[in-house]
């Protein structure tokens, strides 16, 4: 592995750690204020402020580029909102582990299809029998790791 590859690998590992932490925080706020949608609104507002501030430091994109990007790429905002709202609603009801495990399973399947067909300009990486086996092993692992019972301490902690 090159130093650049190691850096990105560590970055994505840390991002992966952040997903269940974020899900737990979102779900906890949603339970405490009795409004998952309200929690998503508040947390999205914080994300806008922080990302806007970061953009001021690293550079604001040219407006011509923003308006010339194909509209399909802006639908990512809807998926972002859908994910955050879904996990904020589901995690207190089915458990954080279950919610994240099912998200992971969806990510594995979607990533394989996107890579195989090069959807949305992704680098093509064909689905081979070896890759299918890897996905099946991961899916079985996700299934085995999920919890069979509902949480008994909804909203505690």
C-alpha atoms as a PDB file:
ATOM      1  CA  UNK A   1       0.000   0.000   0.000  1.00  0.00           C
ATOM      2  CA  UNK A   2       1.180   3.492  -0.789  1.00  0.00           C
ATOM      3  CA  UNK A   3       1.185   6.233   1.876  1.00  0.00           C
ATOM      4  CA  UNK A   4      -1.759   7.840   0.080  1.00  0.00           C
ATOM      5  CA  UNK A   5      -3.721   4.580   0.125  1.00  0.00           C
ATOM      6  CA  UNK A   6      -2.979   4.109   3.819  1.00  0.00           C
ATOM      7  CA  UNK A   7      -4.153   7.659   4.554  1.00  0.00           C
ATOM      8  CA  UNK A   8      -7.444   7.131   2.728  1.00  0.00           C
ATOM      9  CA  UNK A   9      -7.905   3.701   4.315  1.00  0.00           C
ATOM     10  CA  UNK A  10      -7.504   5.180   7.795  1.00  0.00           C
ATOM     11  CA  UNK A  11      -9.762   8.100   6.859  1.00  0.00           C
ATOM     12  CA  UNK A  12     -12.543   5.750   5.745  1.00  0.00           C
ATOM     13  CA  UNK A  13     -12.096   3.527   8.795  1.00  0.00           C
ATOM     14  CA  UNK A  14     -12.532   6.554  11.066  1.00  0.00           C
ATOM     15  CA  UNK A  15     -15.547   7.654   8.988  1.00  0.00           C
ATOM     16  CA  UNK A  16     -16.962   4.168   9.502  1.00  0.00           C
ATOM     17  CA  UNK A  17     -16.525   4.563  13.256  1.00  0.00           C
ATOM     18  CA  UNK A  18     -18.353   7.865  13.027  1.00  0.00           C
ATOM     19  CA  UNK A  19     -21.479   6.391  11.391  1.00  0.00           C
ATOM     20  CA  UNK A  20     -22.780   4.429  14.409  1.00  0.00           C
ATOM     21  CA  UNK A  21     -21.643   7.197  16.771  1.00  0.00           C
ATOM     22  CA  UNK A  22     -23.607   9.725  14.696  1.00  0.00           C
ATOM     23  CA  UNK A  23     -26.579   7.351  14.531  1.00  0.00           C
ATOM     24  CA  UNK A  24     -26.597   6.952  18.314  1.00  0.00           C
ATOM     25  CA  UNK A  25     -26.367  10.719  18.819  1.00  0.00           C
ATOM     26  CA  UNK A  26     -29.131  11.433  16.303  1.00  0.00           C
ATOM     27  CA  UNK A  27     -31.403   8.768  17.753  1.00  0.00           C
ATOM     28  CA  UNK A  28     -30.707   9.943  21.295  1.00  0.00           C
ATOM     29  CA  UNK A  29     -31.536  13.552  20.427  1.00  0.00           C
ATOM     30  CA  UNK A  30     -34.677  12.460  18.575  1.00  0.00           C
ATOM     31  CA  UNK A  31     -35.877  10.515  21.625  1.00  0.00           C
ATOM     32  CA  UNK A  32     -34.996  13.294  24.077  1.00  0.00           C
ATOM     33  CA  UNK A  33     -36.794  16.019  22.140  1.00  0.00           C
ATOM     34  CA  UNK A  34     -39.573  13.602  21.066  1.00  0.00           C
ATOM     35  CA  UNK A  35     -39.084  14.458  17.403  1.00  0.00           C
ATOM     36  CA  UNK A  36     -36.798  12.531  15.075  1.00  0.00           C
ATOM     37  CA  UNK A  37     -37.496  15.060  12.307  1.00  0.00           C
ATOM     38  CA  UNK A  38     -36.666  17.917  14.672  1.00  0.00           C
ATOM     39  CA  UNK A  39     -33.397  16.198  15.604  1.00  0.00           C
ATOM     40  CA  UNK A  40     -32.471  15.794  11.928  1.00  0.00           C
ATOM     41  CA  UNK A  41     -33.304  19.453  11.277  1.00  0.00           C
ATOM     42  CA  UNK A  42     -31.124  20.627  14.179  1.00  0.00           C
ATOM     43  CA  UNK A  43     -28.225  18.342  13.274  1.00  0.00           C
ATOM     44  CA  UNK A  44     -28.451  19.260   9.584  1.00  0.00           C
ATOM     45  CA  UNK A  45     -28.305  22.926  10.548  1.00  0.00           C
ATOM     46  CA  UNK A  46     -25.141  22.280  12.541  1.00  0.00           C
ATOM     47  CA  UNK A  47     -23.702  20.383   9.548  1.00  0.00           C
ATOM     48  CA  UNK A  48     -24.473  23.335   7.246  1.00  0.00           C
ATOM     49  CA  UNK A  49     -22.747  25.778   9.584  1.00  0.00           C
ATOM     50  CA  UNK A  50     -19.651  23.599  10.053  1.00  0.00           C
ATOM     51  CA  UNK A  51     -19.305  22.635   6.373  1.00  0.00           C
ATOM     52  CA  UNK A  52     -19.877  26.251   5.326  1.00  0.00           C
ATOM     53  CA  UNK A  53     -17.155  27.402   7.703  1.00  0.00           C
ATOM     54  CA  UNK A  54     -14.785  24.685   6.420  1.00  0.00           C
ATOM     55  CA  UNK A  55     -15.528  25.773   2.851  1.00  0.00           C
ATOM     56  CA  UNK A  56     -14.432  29.318   3.699  1.00  0.00           C
ATOM     57  CA  UNK A  57     -11.026  27.933   4.721  1.00  0.00           C
ATOM     58  CA  UNK A  58     -10.474  25.491   1.853  1.00  0.00           C
ATOM     59  CA  UNK A  59     -12.118  27.527  -0.882  1.00  0.00           C
ATOM     60  CA  UNK A  60     -15.576  28.276  -2.165  1.00  0.00           C
ATOM     61  CA  UNK A  61     -16.407  26.563  -5.460  1.00  0.00           C
ATOM     62  CA  UNK A  62     -16.993  28.651  -8.565  1.00  0.00           C
ATOM     63  CA  UNK A  63     -20.726  29.314  -8.921  1.00  0.00           C
ATOM     64  CA  UNK A  64     -20.569  28.446 -12.620  1.00  0.00           C
ATOM     65  CA  UNK A  65     -19.332  24.964 -11.697  1.00  0.00           C
ATOM     66  CA  UNK A  66     -22.069  24.581  -9.069  1.00  0.00           C
ATOM     67  CA  UNK A  67     -24.792  25.430 -11.558  1.00  0.00           C
ATOM     68  CA  UNK A  68     -23.304  23.378 -14.383  1.00  0.00           C
ATOM     69  CA  UNK A  69     -23.168  20.068 -12.494  1.00  0.00           C
ATOM     70  CA  UNK A  70     -25.795  17.560 -13.677  1.00  0.00           C
ATOM     71  CA  UNK A  71     -28.920  17.656 -11.476  1.00  0.00           C
ATOM     72  CA  UNK A  72     -28.660  13.932 -10.695  1.00  0.00           C
ATOM     73  CA  UNK A  73     -25.666  14.623  -8.455  1.00  0.00           C
ATOM     74  CA  UNK A  74     -27.732  16.874  -6.199  1.00  0.00           C
ATOM     75  CA  UNK A  75     -30.048  14.003  -5.303  1.00  0.00           C
ATOM     76  CA  UNK A  76     -27.259  12.904  -2.952  1.00  0.00           C
ATOM     77  CA  UNK A  77     -28.706  15.478  -0.552  1.00  0.00           C
ATOM     78  CA  UNK A  78     -31.974  13.535  -0.496  1.00  0.00           C
ATOM     79  CA  UNK A  79     -30.133  10.288   0.257  1.00  0.00           C
ATOM     80  CA  UNK A  80     -28.179  12.071   2.994  1.00  0.00           C
ATOM     81  CA  UNK A  81     -31.424  13.275   4.547  1.00  0.00           C
ATOM     82  CA  UNK A  82     -33.114   9.886   4.076  1.00  0.00           C
ATOM     83  CA  UNK A  83     -30.248   8.071   5.807  1.00  0.00           C
ATOM     84  CA  UNK A  84     -30.088  10.438   8.758  1.00  0.00           C
ATOM     85  CA  UNK A  85     -33.858  10.468   9.251  1.00  0.00           C
ATOM     86  CA  UNK A  86     -34.145   6.684   8.823  1.00  0.00           C
ATOM     87  CA  UNK A  87     -31.450   5.871  11.369  1.00  0.00           C
ATOM     88  CA  UNK A  88     -32.774   8.512  13.790  1.00  0.00           C
ATOM     89  CA  UNK A  89     -36.218   6.874  13.676  1.00  0.00           C
ATOM     90  CA  UNK A  90     -35.157   3.214  13.464  1.00  0.00           C
ATOM     91  CA  UNK A  91     -32.231   2.960  15.897  1.00  0.00           C
ATOM     92  CA  UNK A  92     -34.286   3.485  19.079  1.00  0.00           C
ATOM     93  CA  UNK A  93     -36.833   0.927  17.855  1.00  0.00           C
ATOM     94  CA  UNK A  94     -34.684  -1.910  16.469  1.00  0.00           C
ATOM     95  CA  UNK A  95     -31.395  -1.146  18.200  1.00  0.00           C
ATOM     96  CA  UNK A  96     -28.388   0.785  16.965  1.00  0.00           C
ATOM     97  CA  UNK A  97     -26.500  -2.375  16.035  1.00  0.00           C
ATOM     98  CA  UNK A  98     -29.347  -3.712  13.909  1.00  0.00           C
ATOM     99  CA  UNK A  99     -29.876  -0.357  12.198  1.00  0.00           C
ATOM    100  CA  UNK A 100     -26.192   0.018  11.337  1.00  0.00           C
ATOM    101  CA  UNK A 101     -25.852  -3.635  10.282  1.00  0.00           C
ATOM    102  CA  UNK A 102     -28.722  -3.303   7.803  1.00  0.00           C
ATOM    103  CA  UNK A 103     -27.293  -0.025   6.518  1.00  0.00           C
ATOM    104  CA  UNK A 104     -23.961  -1.809   6.029  1.00  0.00           C
ATOM    105  CA  UNK A 105     -25.644  -4.628   4.114  1.00  0.00           C
ATOM    106  CA  UNK A 106     -27.359  -2.097   1.852  1.00  0.00           C
ATOM    107  CA  UNK A 107     -24.062  -0.298   1.326  1.00  0.00           C
ATOM    108  CA  UNK A 108     -22.302  -3.513   0.320  1.00  0.00           C
ATOM    109  CA  UNK A 109     -24.925  -4.441  -2.260  1.00  0.00           C
ATOM    110  CA  UNK A 110     -25.263  -0.913  -3.658  1.00  0.00           C
ATOM    111  CA  UNK A 111     -21.495  -0.378  -3.833  1.00  0.00           C
ATOM    112  CA  UNK A 112     -21.020  -3.643  -5.743  1.00  0.00           C
ATOM    113  CA  UNK A 113     -23.704  -2.712  -8.287  1.00  0.00           C
ATOM    114  CA  UNK A 114     -22.456   0.881  -8.647  1.00  0.00           C
ATOM    115  CA  UNK A 115     -18.868  -0.313  -9.143  1.00  0.00           C
ATOM    116  CA  UNK A 116     -19.843  -3.094 -11.557  1.00  0.00           C
ATOM    117  CA  UNK A 117     -21.718  -0.762 -13.895  1.00  0.00           C
ATOM    118  CA  UNK A 118     -19.685   2.418 -13.217  1.00  0.00           C
ATOM    119  CA  UNK A 119     -22.868   4.227 -12.190  1.00  0.00           C
ATOM    120  CA  UNK A 120     -22.514   7.970 -11.494  1.00  0.00           C
ATOM    121  CA  UNK A 121     -18.966   8.010 -12.902  1.00  0.00           C
ATOM    122  CA  UNK A 122     -17.654   5.453 -10.384  1.00  0.00           C
ATOM    123  CA  UNK A 123     -14.559   3.502 -11.362  1.00  0.00           C
ATOM    124  CA  UNK A 124     -15.625   0.169 -12.857  1.00  0.00           C
ATOM    125  CA  UNK A 125     -14.843  -2.899 -10.774  1.00  0.00           C
ATOM    126  CA  UNK A 126     -16.641  -5.920 -12.129  1.00  0.00           C
ATOM    127  CA  UNK A 127     -18.517  -8.310  -9.910  1.00  0.00           C
ATOM    128  CA  UNK A 128     -16.516 -11.524 -10.118  1.00  0.00           C
ATOM    129  CA  UNK A 129     -17.292 -14.871  -8.466  1.00  0.00           C
ATOM    130  CA  UNK A 130     -14.638 -14.045  -5.843  1.00  0.00           C
ATOM    131  CA  UNK A 131     -16.267 -10.684  -5.130  1.00  0.00           C
ATOM    132  CA  UNK A 132     -19.716 -12.291  -4.920  1.00  0.00           C
ATOM    133  CA  UNK A 133     -18.330 -14.791  -2.411  1.00  0.00           C
ATOM    134  CA  UNK A 134     -16.835 -11.925  -0.391  1.00  0.00           C
ATOM    135  CA  UNK A 135     -20.167 -10.090  -0.399  1.00  0.00           C
ATOM    136  CA  UNK A 136     -22.019 -13.244   0.645  1.00  0.00           C
ATOM    137  CA  UNK A 137     -19.554 -13.841   3.496  1.00  0.00           C
ATOM    138  CA  UNK A 138     -19.943 -10.220   4.612  1.00  0.00           C
ATOM    139  CA  UNK A 139     -23.745 -10.416   4.339  1.00  0.00           C
ATOM    140  CA  UNK A 140     -23.767 -13.599   6.437  1.00  0.00           C
ATOM    141  CA  UNK A 141     -21.507 -11.861   8.949  1.00  0.00           C
ATOM    142  CA  UNK A 142     -23.839  -8.862   9.085  1.00  0.00           C
ATOM    143  CA  UNK A 143     -26.808 -11.196   9.572  1.00  0.00           C
ATOM    144  CA  UNK A 144     -25.064 -13.152  12.341  1.00  0.00           C
ATOM    145  CA  UNK A 145     -23.908  -9.972  14.095  1.00  0.00           C
ATOM    146  CA  UNK A 146     -27.356  -8.400  14.273  1.00  0.00           C
ATOM    147  CA  UNK A 147     -29.335  -8.623  17.474  1.00  0.00           C
ATOM    148  CA  UNK A 148     -32.435 -10.824  17.523  1.00  0.00           C
ATOM    149  CA  UNK A 149     -34.258  -8.897  20.222  1.00  0.00           C
ATOM    150  CA  UNK A 150     -35.521  -5.368  20.483  1.00  0.00           C
ATOM    151  CA  UNK A 151     -33.689  -3.061  22.858  1.00  0.00           C
ATOM    152  CA  UNK A 152     -35.057  -2.960  26.392  1.00  0.00           C
ATOM    153  CA  UNK A 153     -33.727   0.492  27.215  1.00  0.00           C
ATOM    154  CA  UNK A 154     -35.239   2.651  24.485  1.00  0.00           C
ATOM    155  CA  UNK A 155     -33.820   6.109  24.913  1.00  0.00           C
ATOM    156  CA  UNK A 156     -31.702   5.321  27.960  1.00  0.00           C
ATOM    157  CA  UNK A 157     -28.114   6.469  28.164  1.00  0.00           C
END
